Amino acid sequence: MTRLVLDGLCFAEGPRWHEGRLWVSDVFGQRVLAVTEDGAAEEIVRFPGTELPVGLGFLPDGRLLISNLDYPNVLRLDAPGQVVVHADLSRFARGVVNDMVVDPRGRAYVGAVGLRDRTASAVPGTGAVILVEPDGSARMVADDMVAPNGPCLTPDGCYVVAELPARRLTKFDRGPDGSLHNRRVFAELSPFTADGISADAEGAVWTSSTGDGVFRRIEDGGAVTDVIKIPGRRAVACCLGGADGRTLFLLSNGTSEIAQQWARRKFHDDGSRPAPGPPVRDLARLMAGNSRIDKVRVRVPGCHADTSTTGSGGEV
């Protein structure tokens, strides 16, 4: 049975369990929150400009990294209220950057969504995964992707990412320098999808299927072992955490139509710009109360009971 943790959010995304709390981006609320298991929320940072926080992770010294949906960069919170650009990814990314996972060494894997066609559908092969080193230097480590979205690290240190429009999870081995190689399919998901994901200690991956509002636990090869439904809502992201690692936090929205309007303001594959979507301030007003966080107890814990990255695995 699911239980409500926190509601009243605009668009909850990018959850990470860190130091006893669930850290989450309220994207169109332009803020990052840290939430206890019983729902007590602390606002960690609020952005005054057009920044839209999405993916979260932590450097080894505890500083927060934040991927920015509004401009292709990764931000860093050095001190309360002190946000700086950690890495500018504009020369690597086509389209916006989205979710991110950070390994124990502080290397961030950031998904660049790629271009969209005239129907706002992802253009296959234009997405990429960008590796950002702890010092802020960056390089592309995977290309020819289809809108890479939710990522996680498995217990054996591999990288898994959801290619949402392609309806699959893709897995890579990681080299000592953080490079990605040996690309293969972890699971074909059709007719379902996956947005945010989280790996557990047995190497299975929990997925958030936006189309049918269902969270599924999927093993390498595609077998579905567990299903959690949230009727009438859109599953967005999930994260294993809690004191023993066996609490699965479920992020969902009532609708995503307004957010999709915003996304369509980015460049098309022919270089033209579509009509702009609602301004960020209007999005916060329109989507207020749209998003919430629930939780449910599961059998298999996350890779670590208390980790700064969703499903972080063995250090590579």
C-alpha atoms as a PDB file:
ATOM      1  CA  MET A   1       0.000   0.000   0.000  1.00  0.00           C
ATOM      2  CA  THR A   2       1.349   3.414  -0.936  1.00  0.00           C
ATOM      3  CA  ARG A   3       1.420   6.269   1.566  1.00  0.00           C
ATOM      4  CA  LEU A   4       1.595   9.999   0.878  1.00  0.00           C
ATOM      5  CA  VAL A   5       4.868  11.699   1.810  1.00  0.00           C
ATOM      6  CA  LEU A   6       4.454  15.214   0.381  1.00  0.00           C
ATOM      7  CA  ASP A   7       2.062  16.930  -2.023  1.00  0.00           C
ATOM      8  CA  GLY A   8       1.500  20.458  -3.317  1.00  0.00           C
ATOM      9  CA  LEU A   9       4.544  20.413  -5.630  1.00  0.00           C
ATOM     10  CA  CYS A  10       4.702  21.764  -9.192  1.00  0.00           C
ATOM     11  CA  PHE A  11       6.745  19.031 -10.892  1.00  0.00           C
ATOM     12  CA  ALA A  12       8.772  16.687  -8.678  1.00  0.00           C
ATOM     13  CA  GLU A  13      11.788  15.125 -10.433  1.00  0.00           C
ATOM     14  CA  GLY A  14      15.342  13.829  -9.990  1.00  0.00           C
ATOM     15  CA  PRO A  15      15.032  12.142  -6.552  1.00  0.00           C
ATOM     16  CA  ARG A  16      18.198  11.124  -4.688  1.00  0.00           C
ATOM     17  CA  TRP A  17      18.457   9.599  -1.222  1.00  0.00           C
ATOM     18  CA  HIS A  18      21.277  11.344   0.657  1.00  0.00           C
ATOM     19  CA  GLU A  19      22.191  11.569   4.346  1.00  0.00           C
ATOM     20  CA  GLY A  20      18.831  10.407   5.635  1.00  0.00           C
ATOM     21  CA  ARG A  21      16.595  12.485   3.377  1.00  0.00           C
ATOM     22  CA  LEU A  22      15.087  12.411  -0.098  1.00  0.00           C
ATOM     23  CA  TRP A  23      16.450  15.261  -2.187  1.00  0.00           C
ATOM     24  CA  VAL A  24      14.139  16.254  -5.014  1.00  0.00           C
ATOM     25  CA  SER A  25      13.822  18.952  -7.675  1.00  0.00           C
ATOM     26  CA  ASP A  26      10.525  20.822  -7.862  1.00  0.00           C
ATOM     27  CA  VAL A  27      11.268  21.741 -11.464  1.00  0.00           C
ATOM     28  CA  PHE A  28       8.750  24.457 -12.281  1.00  0.00           C
ATOM     29  CA  GLY A  29       8.728  25.609  -8.674  1.00  0.00           C
ATOM     30  CA  GLN A  30      12.423  26.362  -9.364  1.00  0.00           C
ATOM     31  CA  ARG A  31      13.655  24.885  -6.115  1.00  0.00           C
ATOM     32  CA  VAL A  32      15.355  21.870  -4.577  1.00  0.00           C
ATOM     33  CA  LEU A  33      13.926  20.267  -1.433  1.00  0.00           C
ATOM     34  CA  ALA A  34      15.226  17.754   1.102  1.00  0.00           C
ATOM     35  CA  VAL A  35      12.379  15.659   2.534  1.00  0.00           C
ATOM     36  CA  THR A  36      12.317  13.268   5.488  1.00  0.00           C
ATOM     37  CA  GLU A  37      10.496   9.941   5.308  1.00  0.00           C
ATOM     38  CA  ASP A  38       7.565  11.438   7.212  1.00  0.00           C
ATOM     39  CA  GLY A  39       7.246  14.412   4.834  1.00  0.00           C
ATOM     40  CA  ALA A  40       9.038  17.257   6.609  1.00  0.00           C
ATOM     41  CA  ALA A  41      10.507  19.377   3.793  1.00  0.00           C
ATOM     42  CA  GLU A  42      13.389  21.857   3.825  1.00  0.00           C
ATOM     43  CA  GLU A  43      13.980  24.186   0.894  1.00  0.00           C
ATOM     44  CA  ILE A  44      17.677  23.877   0.035  1.00  0.00           C
ATOM     45  CA  VAL A  45      17.835  26.386  -2.808  1.00  0.00           C
ATOM     46  CA  ARG A  46      15.401  28.460  -4.875  1.00  0.00           C
ATOM     47  CA  PHE A  47      16.338  29.935  -8.235  1.00  0.00           C
ATOM     48  CA  PRO A  48      15.369  33.549  -8.987  1.00  0.00           C
ATOM     49  CA  GLY A  49      15.958  33.495 -12.750  1.00  0.00           C
ATOM     50  CA  THR A  50      14.916  31.020 -15.435  1.00  0.00           C
ATOM     51  CA  GLU A  51      16.856  28.042 -14.056  1.00  0.00           C
ATOM     52  CA  LEU A  52      14.916  24.762 -13.881  1.00  0.00           C
ATOM     53  CA  PRO A  53      16.525  22.157 -11.592  1.00  0.00           C
ATOM     54  CA  VAL A  54      16.176  18.518 -12.668  1.00  0.00           C
ATOM     55  CA  GLY A  55      18.875  15.924 -11.991  1.00  0.00           C
ATOM     56  CA  LEU A  56      20.627  15.929  -8.624  1.00  0.00           C
ATOM     57  CA  GLY A  57      23.828  14.429  -7.250  1.00  0.00           C
ATOM     58  CA  PHE A  58      26.661  15.135  -4.858  1.00  0.00           C
ATOM     59  CA  LEU A  59      30.392  15.653  -5.018  1.00  0.00           C
ATOM     60  CA  PRO A  60      32.509  13.664  -2.524  1.00  0.00           C
ATOM     61  CA  ASP A  61      32.754  16.780  -0.329  1.00  0.00           C
ATOM     62  CA  GLY A  62      28.956  16.998  -0.141  1.00  0.00           C
ATOM     63  CA  ARG A  63      28.326  19.906  -2.490  1.00  0.00           C
ATOM     64  CA  LEU A  64      25.131  19.576  -4.504  1.00  0.00           C
ATOM     65  CA  LEU A  65      25.170  19.294  -8.303  1.00  0.00           C
ATOM     66  CA  ILE A  66      22.054  20.217 -10.288  1.00  0.00           C
ATOM     67  CA  SER A  67      21.381  19.738 -14.001  1.00  0.00           C
ATOM     68  CA  ASN A  68      19.495  22.636 -15.549  1.00  0.00           C
ATOM     69  CA  LEU A  69      16.557  22.004 -17.877  1.00  0.00           C
ATOM     70  CA  ASP A  70      16.487  25.620 -19.075  1.00  0.00           C
ATOM     71  CA  TYR A  71      20.084  25.811 -20.374  1.00  0.00           C
ATOM     72  CA  PRO A  72      22.577  22.988 -20.997  1.00  0.00           C
ATOM     73  CA  ASN A  73      24.735  23.262 -17.921  1.00  0.00           C
ATOM     74  CA  VAL A  74      25.292  21.708 -14.516  1.00  0.00           C
ATOM     75  CA  LEU A  75      25.065  24.012 -11.517  1.00  0.00           C
ATOM     76  CA  ARG A  76      26.786  23.615  -8.145  1.00  0.00           C
ATOM     77  CA  LEU A  77      25.638  24.788  -4.732  1.00  0.00           C
ATOM     78  CA  ASP A  78      28.823  25.839  -2.915  1.00  0.00           C
ATOM     79  CA  ALA A  79      27.103  27.348   0.129  1.00  0.00           C
ATOM     80  CA  PRO A  80      23.576  28.421   1.084  1.00  0.00           C
ATOM     81  CA  GLY A  81      22.390  30.744  -1.672  1.00  0.00           C
ATOM     82  CA  GLN A  82      25.698  30.486  -3.563  1.00  0.00           C
ATOM     83  CA  VAL A  83      25.077  28.774  -6.925  1.00  0.00           C
ATOM     84  CA  VAL A  84      27.776  28.661  -9.619  1.00  0.00           C
ATOM     85  CA  VAL A  85      28.109  26.990 -13.016  1.00  0.00           C
ATOM     86  CA  HIS A  86      29.941  23.697 -12.511  1.00  0.00           C
ATOM     87  CA  ALA A  87      30.039  22.798 -16.225  1.00  0.00           C
ATOM     88  CA  ASP A  88      28.778  24.449 -19.407  1.00  0.00           C
ATOM     89  CA  LEU A  89      27.613  21.672 -21.742  1.00  0.00           C
ATOM     90  CA  SER A  90      26.357  23.811 -24.626  1.00  0.00           C
ATOM     91  CA  ARG A  91      29.089  22.607 -27.017  1.00  0.00           C
ATOM     92  CA  PHE A  92      28.108  18.970 -26.442  1.00  0.00           C
ATOM     93  CA  ALA A  93      24.328  19.015 -25.994  1.00  0.00           C
ATOM     94  CA  ARG A  94      21.742  19.241 -28.748  1.00  0.00           C
ATOM     95  CA  GLY A  95      18.506  20.399 -27.175  1.00  0.00           C
ATOM     96  CA  VAL A  96      18.096  20.439 -23.404  1.00  0.00           C
ATOM     97  CA  VAL A  97      19.886  18.403 -20.770  1.00  0.00           C
ATOM     98  CA  ASN A  98      17.697  16.371 -18.459  1.00  0.00           C
ATOM     99  CA  ASP A  99      18.371  13.899 -15.668  1.00  0.00           C
ATOM    100  CA  MET A 100      21.740  13.037 -14.168  1.00  0.00           C
ATOM    101  CA  VAL A 101      23.432  10.494 -11.903  1.00  0.00           C
ATOM    102  CA  VAL A 102      26.673  11.112 -10.000  1.00  0.00           C
ATOM    103  CA  ASP A 103      29.032   8.295  -9.035  1.00  0.00           C
ATOM    104  CA  PRO A 104      30.947   8.038  -5.712  1.00  0.00           C
ATOM    105  CA  ARG A 105      33.935   9.842  -7.229  1.00  0.00           C
ATOM    106  CA  GLY A 106      31.821  12.841  -8.191  1.00  0.00           C
ATOM    107  CA  ARG A 107      31.609  12.089 -11.918  1.00  0.00           C
ATOM    108  CA  ALA A 108      28.243  13.188 -13.308  1.00  0.00           C
ATOM    109  CA  TYR A 109      26.544  11.427 -16.217  1.00  0.00           C
ATOM    110  CA  VAL A 110      24.149  13.913 -17.832  1.00  0.00           C
ATOM    111  CA  GLY A 111      21.581  13.050 -20.485  1.00  0.00           C
ATOM    112  CA  ALA A 112      21.267  15.461 -23.428  1.00  0.00           C
ATOM    113  CA  VAL A 113      17.804  14.923 -24.886  1.00  0.00           C
ATOM    114  CA  GLY A 114      18.592  15.875 -28.495  1.00  0.00           C
ATOM    115  CA  LEU A 115      16.385  17.486 -31.111  1.00  0.00           C
ATOM    116  CA  ARG A 116      12.651  17.313 -31.780  1.00  0.00           C
ATOM    117  CA  ASP A 117      10.729  17.178 -35.039  1.00  0.00           C
ATOM    118  CA  ARG A 118       7.690  19.231 -36.026  1.00  0.00           C
ATOM    119  CA  THR A 119       5.405  17.034 -33.953  1.00  0.00           C
ATOM    120  CA  ALA A 120       7.646  17.573 -30.870  1.00  0.00           C
ATOM    121  CA  SER A 121       8.796  13.949 -31.054  1.00  0.00           C
ATOM    122  CA  ALA A 122      12.426  13.104 -30.307  1.00  0.00           C
ATOM    123  CA  VAL A 123      14.682  12.816 -33.344  1.00  0.00           C
ATOM    124  CA  PRO A 124      16.413   9.404 -33.008  1.00  0.00           C
ATOM    125  CA  GLY A 125      20.170   9.466 -32.735  1.00  0.00           C
ATOM    126  CA  THR A 126      20.500  13.112 -31.656  1.00  0.00           C
ATOM    127  CA  GLY A 127      20.669  12.435 -27.901  1.00  0.00           C
ATOM    128  CA  ALA A 128      23.874  11.879 -25.949  1.00  0.00           C
ATOM    129  CA  VAL A 129      25.343  11.160 -22.534  1.00  0.00           C
ATOM    130  CA  ILE A 130      27.896  13.692 -21.282  1.00  0.00           C
ATOM    131  CA  LEU A 131      30.389  12.929 -18.515  1.00  0.00           C
ATOM    132  CA  VAL A 132      31.287  15.815 -16.205  1.00  0.00           C
ATOM    133  CA  GLU A 133      34.393  15.328 -14.074  1.00  0.00           C
ATOM    134  CA  PRO A 134      34.547  16.640 -10.488  1.00  0.00           C
ATOM    135  CA  ASP A 135      36.609  19.608 -11.723  1.00  0.00           C
ATOM    136  CA  GLY A 136      33.878  20.584 -14.202  1.00  0.00           C
ATOM    137  CA  SER A 137      35.602  19.392 -17.362  1.00  0.00           C
ATOM    138  CA  ALA A 138      33.299  17.465 -19.688  1.00  0.00           C
ATOM    139  CA  ARG A 139      33.284  15.094 -22.637  1.00  0.00           C
ATOM    140  CA  MET A 140      30.716  13.064 -24.555  1.00  0.00           C
ATOM    141  CA  VAL A 141      30.767   9.375 -23.602  1.00  0.00           C
ATOM    142  CA  ALA A 142      27.776   8.083 -25.624  1.00  0.00           C
ATOM    143  CA  ASP A 143      26.001   9.371 -28.710  1.00  0.00           C
ATOM    144  CA  ASP A 144      23.315   8.129 -31.106  1.00  0.00           C
ATOM    145  CA  MET A 145      20.848   8.026 -28.210  1.00  0.00           C
ATOM    146  CA  VAL A 146      17.072   8.570 -28.234  1.00  0.00           C
ATOM    147  CA  ALA A 147      16.295  11.228 -25.608  1.00  0.00           C
ATOM    148  CA  PRO A 148      18.231   9.663 -22.674  1.00  0.00           C
ATOM    149  CA  ASN A 149      16.305  10.379 -19.515  1.00  0.00           C
ATOM    150  CA  GLY A 150      16.400   8.662 -16.113  1.00  0.00           C
ATOM    151  CA  PRO A 151      19.799   7.102 -15.248  1.00  0.00           C
ATOM    152  CA  CYS A 152      21.107   4.857 -12.487  1.00  0.00           C
ATOM    153  CA  LEU A 153      24.225   2.899 -11.527  1.00  0.00           C
ATOM    154  CA  THR A 154      23.897  -0.822 -10.833  1.00  0.00           C
ATOM    155  CA  PRO A 155      25.635  -2.819  -8.053  1.00  0.00           C
ATOM    156  CA  ASP A 156      28.362  -3.935 -10.455  1.00  0.00           C
ATOM    157  CA  GLY A 157      29.083  -0.332 -11.418  1.00  0.00           C
ATOM    158  CA  CYS A 158      27.341  -0.321 -14.807  1.00  0.00           C
ATOM    159  CA  TYR A 159      25.353   2.631 -16.140  1.00  0.00           C
ATOM    160  CA  VAL A 160      21.713   2.154 -17.147  1.00  0.00           C
ATOM    161  CA  VAL A 161      19.613   4.852 -18.799  1.00  0.00           C
ATOM    162  CA  ALA A 162      16.002   5.068 -19.970  1.00  0.00           C
ATOM    163  CA  GLU A 163      15.551   6.017 -23.620  1.00  0.00           C
ATOM    164  CA  LEU A 164      11.945   7.021 -23.114  1.00  0.00           C
ATOM    165  CA  PRO A 165      10.679   7.428 -26.728  1.00  0.00           C
ATOM    166  CA  ALA A 166      12.459   4.197 -27.738  1.00  0.00           C
ATOM    167  CA  ARG A 167      10.725   2.366 -24.858  1.00  0.00           C
ATOM    168  CA  ARG A 168      13.869   0.662 -23.609  1.00  0.00           C
ATOM    169  CA  LEU A 169      16.514   0.615 -20.920  1.00  0.00           C
ATOM    170  CA  THR A 170      20.081   0.699 -22.234  1.00  0.00           C
ATOM    171  CA  LYS A 171      23.084  -0.558 -20.266  1.00  0.00           C
ATOM    172  CA  PHE A 172      26.791   0.276 -20.523  1.00  0.00           C
ATOM    173  CA  ASP A 173      29.930  -0.958 -18.809  1.00  0.00           C
ATOM    174  CA  ARG A 174      32.073   1.805 -17.316  1.00  0.00           C
ATOM    175  CA  GLY A 175      35.825   2.098 -17.676  1.00  0.00           C
ATOM    176  CA  PRO A 176      38.252   3.239 -14.952  1.00  0.00           C
ATOM    177  CA  ASP A 177      38.171   6.734 -16.465  1.00  0.00           C
ATOM    178  CA  GLY A 178      34.355   6.825 -16.426  1.00  0.00           C
ATOM    179  CA  SER A 179      33.987   6.089 -20.131  1.00  0.00           C
ATOM    180  CA  LEU A 180      31.017   4.046 -21.354  1.00  0.00           C
ATOM    181  CA  HIS A 181      31.386   0.978 -23.557  1.00  0.00           C
ATOM    182  CA  ASN A 182      29.758  -2.370 -24.419  1.00  0.00           C
ATOM    183  CA  ARG A 183      26.362  -0.822 -25.055  1.00  0.00           C
ATOM    184  CA  ARG A 184      23.444  -3.287 -24.999  1.00  0.00           C
ATOM    185  CA  VAL A 185      19.738  -3.468 -24.210  1.00  0.00           C
ATOM    186  CA  PHE A 186      18.908  -4.038 -20.545  1.00  0.00           C
ATOM    187  CA  ALA A 187      15.181  -4.361 -21.271  1.00  0.00           C
ATOM    188  CA  GLU A 188      12.708  -3.697 -24.066  1.00  0.00           C
ATOM    189  CA  LEU A 189       9.697  -2.009 -22.450  1.00  0.00           C
ATOM    190  CA  SER A 190       7.126  -1.680 -25.252  1.00  0.00           C
ATOM    191  CA  PRO A 191       4.235  -0.991 -25.016  1.00  0.00           C
ATOM    192  CA  PHE A 192       5.282   0.725 -21.780  1.00  0.00           C
ATOM    193  CA  THR A 193       7.862   3.467 -21.174  1.00  0.00           C
ATOM    194  CA  ALA A 194      10.363   4.552 -18.537  1.00  0.00           C
ATOM    195  CA  ASP A 195      11.181   8.010 -17.221  1.00  0.00           C
ATOM    196  CA  GLY A 196      13.043   8.099 -13.884  1.00  0.00           C
ATOM    197  CA  ILE A 197      14.615   4.819 -12.703  1.00  0.00           C
ATOM    198  CA  SER A 198      16.319   3.331  -9.628  1.00  0.00           C
ATOM    199  CA  ALA A 199      18.455   0.201  -9.267  1.00  0.00           C
ATOM    200  CA  ASP A 200      18.306  -2.214  -6.328  1.00  0.00           C
ATOM    201  CA  ALA A 201      20.869  -4.474  -4.658  1.00  0.00           C
ATOM    202  CA  GLU A 202      20.017  -7.415  -6.938  1.00  0.00           C
ATOM    203  CA  GLY A 203      20.653  -5.386 -10.098  1.00  0.00           C
ATOM    204  CA  ALA A 204      16.990  -4.998 -11.057  1.00  0.00           C
ATOM    205  CA  VAL A 205      15.694  -1.552 -12.031  1.00  0.00           C
ATOM    206  CA  TRP A 206      12.514   0.155 -10.892  1.00  0.00           C
ATOM    207  CA  THR A 207      10.953   2.171 -13.741  1.00  0.00           C
ATOM    208  CA  SER A 208       8.388   4.967 -13.896  1.00  0.00           C
ATOM    209  CA  SER A 209       6.026   4.437 -16.822  1.00  0.00           C
ATOM    210  CA  THR A 210       4.487   7.809 -17.623  1.00  0.00           C
ATOM    211  CA  GLY A 211       1.890   6.551 -20.079  1.00  0.00           C
ATOM    212  CA  ASP A 212       0.030   4.187 -17.762  1.00  0.00           C
ATOM    213  CA  GLY A 213       0.955   5.506 -14.306  1.00  0.00           C
ATOM    214  CA  VAL A 214       2.743   2.335 -13.200  1.00  0.00           C
ATOM    215  CA  PHE A 215       6.056   1.657 -11.472  1.00  0.00           C
ATOM    216  CA  ARG A 216       7.630  -1.669 -12.472  1.00  0.00           C
ATOM    217  CA  ARG A 217      10.617  -3.631 -11.185  1.00  0.00           C
ATOM    218  CA  ILE A 218      12.431  -5.049 -14.201  1.00  0.00           C
ATOM    219  CA  GLU A 219      15.303  -7.509 -14.263  1.00  0.00           C
ATOM    220  CA  ASP A 220      18.153  -7.521 -16.781  1.00  0.00           C
ATOM    221  CA  GLY A 221      16.606  -9.154 -19.855  1.00  0.00           C
ATOM    222  CA  GLY A 222      13.146  -7.632 -19.354  1.00  0.00           C
ATOM    223  CA  ALA A 223      11.325  -9.828 -16.815  1.00  0.00           C
ATOM    224  CA  VAL A 224       8.829  -7.813 -14.716  1.00  0.00           C
ATOM    225  CA  THR A 225       8.726  -8.983 -11.088  1.00  0.00           C
ATOM    226  CA  ASP A 226       6.706  -6.278  -9.310  1.00  0.00           C
ATOM    227  CA  VAL A 227       4.090  -3.703 -10.285  1.00  0.00           C
ATOM    228  CA  ILE A 228       2.870  -0.663  -8.324  1.00  0.00           C
ATOM    229  CA  LYS A 229      -0.063   1.300  -9.737  1.00  0.00           C
ATOM    230  CA  ILE A 230      -1.053   4.911  -9.041  1.00  0.00           C
ATOM    231  CA  PRO A 231      -4.424   5.244 -10.809  1.00  0.00           C
ATOM    232  CA  GLY A 232      -5.185   8.541 -12.501  1.00  0.00           C
ATOM    233  CA  ARG A 233      -1.626   9.847 -12.273  1.00  0.00           C
ATOM    234  CA  ARG A 234       1.519   9.901 -14.396  1.00  0.00           C
ATOM    235  CA  ALA A 235       4.559   8.133 -12.970  1.00  0.00           C
ATOM    236  CA  VAL A 236       7.596  10.424 -13.299  1.00  0.00           C
ATOM    237  CA  ALA A 237      10.474   9.133 -11.166  1.00  0.00           C
ATOM    238  CA  CYS A 238      11.322   6.796  -8.302  1.00  0.00           C
ATOM    239  CA  CYS A 239      14.103   6.317  -5.773  1.00  0.00           C
ATOM    240  CA  LEU A 240      15.040   3.624  -3.288  1.00  0.00           C
ATOM    241  CA  GLY A 241      16.012   4.936   0.117  1.00  0.00           C
ATOM    242  CA  GLY A 242      14.891   5.137   3.702  1.00  0.00           C
ATOM    243  CA  ALA A 243      16.751   3.929   6.784  1.00  0.00           C
ATOM    244  CA  ASP A 244      17.107   0.367   5.471  1.00  0.00           C
ATOM    245  CA  GLY A 245      16.997   1.137   1.757  1.00  0.00           C
ATOM    246  CA  ARG A 246      13.684  -0.670   1.310  1.00  0.00           C
ATOM    247  CA  THR A 247      11.433   2.366   0.886  1.00  0.00           C
ATOM    248  CA  LEU A 248      10.596   3.155  -2.724  1.00  0.00           C
ATOM    249  CA  PHE A 249       9.683   6.812  -3.171  1.00  0.00           C
ATOM    250  CA  LEU A 250       7.211   7.399  -6.025  1.00  0.00           C
ATOM    251  CA  LEU A 251       7.026  10.765  -7.792  1.00  0.00           C
ATOM    252  CA  SER A 252       3.950  11.447  -9.916  1.00  0.00           C
ATOM    253  CA  ASN A 253       2.017  14.221 -11.640  1.00  0.00           C
ATOM    254  CA  GLY A 254      -1.655  14.759 -12.279  1.00  0.00           C
ATOM    255  CA  THR A 255      -0.886  15.948 -15.820  1.00  0.00           C
ATOM    256  CA  SER A 256       2.129  16.736 -17.974  1.00  0.00           C
ATOM    257  CA  GLU A 257       0.411  18.679 -20.780  1.00  0.00           C
ATOM    258  CA  ILE A 258       1.610  22.061 -19.539  1.00  0.00           C
ATOM    259  CA  ALA A 259       5.165  20.840 -19.152  1.00  0.00           C
ATOM    260  CA  GLN A 260       5.048  19.444 -22.678  1.00  0.00           C
ATOM    261  CA  GLN A 261       3.977  22.860 -23.949  1.00  0.00           C
ATOM    262  CA  TRP A 262       7.088  24.314 -22.359  1.00  0.00           C
ATOM    263  CA  ALA A 263       9.320  21.625 -23.870  1.00  0.00           C
ATOM    264  CA  ARG A 264       8.096  22.425 -27.375  1.00  0.00           C
ATOM    265  CA  ARG A 265       9.702  25.869 -27.275  1.00  0.00           C
ATOM    266  CA  LYS A 266      13.130  24.329 -27.964  1.00  0.00           C
ATOM    267  CA  PHE A 267      14.697  24.064 -31.428  1.00  0.00           C
ATOM    268  CA  HIS A 268      13.403  21.654 -34.051  1.00  0.00           C
ATOM    269  CA  ASP A 269      15.726  19.432 -36.053  1.00  0.00           C
ATOM    270  CA  ASP A 270      15.756  21.933 -38.947  1.00  0.00           C
ATOM    271  CA  GLY A 271      16.995  24.729 -36.678  1.00  0.00           C
ATOM    272  CA  SER A 272      13.689  26.584 -36.440  1.00  0.00           C
ATOM    273  CA  ARG A 273      12.172  27.564 -33.140  1.00  0.00           C
ATOM    274  CA  PRO A 274       8.522  26.719 -32.420  1.00  0.00           C
ATOM    275  CA  ALA A 275       6.143  29.096 -30.713  1.00  0.00           C
ATOM    276  CA  PRO A 276       7.192  29.655 -27.103  1.00  0.00           C
ATOM    277  CA  GLY A 277       5.454  27.762 -24.332  1.00  0.00           C
ATOM    278  CA  PRO A 278       4.225  29.354 -21.106  1.00  0.00           C
ATOM    279  CA  PRO A 279       6.805  31.479 -19.233  1.00  0.00           C
ATOM    280  CA  VAL A 280       8.408  29.784 -16.234  1.00  0.00           C
ATOM    281  CA  ARG A 281       6.522  31.935 -13.730  1.00  0.00           C
ATOM    282  CA  ASP A 282       3.216  30.978 -15.364  1.00  0.00           C
ATOM    283  CA  LEU A 283       4.193  27.307 -15.257  1.00  0.00           C
ATOM    284  CA  ALA A 284       4.669  27.494 -11.491  1.00  0.00           C
ATOM    285  CA  ARG A 285       1.200  28.977 -11.129  1.00  0.00           C
ATOM    286  CA  LEU A 286      -0.482  26.598 -13.579  1.00  0.00           C
ATOM    287  CA  MET A 287       1.131  23.471 -12.138  1.00  0.00           C
ATOM    288  CA  ALA A 288       0.904  24.313  -8.441  1.00  0.00           C
ATOM    289  CA  GLY A 289      -0.290  21.239  -6.557  1.00  0.00           C
ATOM    290  CA  ASN A 290       0.069  19.033  -9.638  1.00  0.00           C
ATOM    291  CA  SER A 291       2.842  16.826  -8.248  1.00  0.00           C
ATOM    292  CA  ARG A 292       3.360  14.655  -5.176  1.00  0.00           C
ATOM    293  CA  ILE A 293       5.616  12.072  -3.542  1.00  0.00           C
ATOM    294  CA  ASP A 294       4.307   8.748  -2.213  1.00  0.00           C
ATOM    295  CA  LYS A 295       6.183   5.812  -0.737  1.00  0.00           C
ATOM    296  CA  VAL A 296       5.847   2.047  -0.506  1.00  0.00           C
ATOM    297  CA  ARG A 297       7.850  -0.696   1.164  1.00  0.00           C
ATOM    298  CA  VAL A 298       9.627  -3.171  -1.120  1.00  0.00           C
ATOM    299  CA  ARG A 299      11.488  -6.446  -0.653  1.00  0.00           C
ATOM    300  CA  VAL A 300      14.917  -5.642  -2.105  1.00  0.00           C
ATOM    301  CA  PRO A 301      16.830  -2.588  -0.819  1.00  0.00           C
ATOM    302  CA  GLY A 302      18.725  -0.103  -2.907  1.00  0.00           C
ATOM    303  CA  CYS A 303      22.364  -0.728  -3.650  1.00  0.00           C
ATOM    304  CA  HIS A 304      23.225   1.080  -0.416  1.00  0.00           C
ATOM    305  CA  ALA A 305      20.881   1.948   2.433  1.00  0.00           C
ATOM    306  CA  ASP A 306      22.117   5.552   2.373  1.00  0.00           C
ATOM    307  CA  THR A 307      23.634   6.832  -0.847  1.00  0.00           C
ATOM    308  CA  SER A 308      23.959  10.109  -2.693  1.00  0.00           C
ATOM    309  CA  THR A 309      22.963   8.593  -6.031  1.00  0.00           C
ATOM    310  CA  THR A 310      19.906   6.640  -7.039  1.00  0.00           C
ATOM    311  CA  GLY A 311      21.004   3.038  -7.230  1.00  0.00           C
ATOM    312  CA  SER A 312      24.703   3.825  -6.918  1.00  0.00           C
ATOM    313  CA  GLY A 313      26.830   0.774  -7.374  1.00  0.00           C
ATOM    314  CA  GLY A 314      30.363  -0.396  -6.921  1.00  0.00           C
ATOM    315  CA  GLU A 315      32.978   2.258  -7.503  1.00  0.00           C
ATOM    316  CA  VAL A 316      34.742   2.116 -10.840  1.00  0.00           C
END
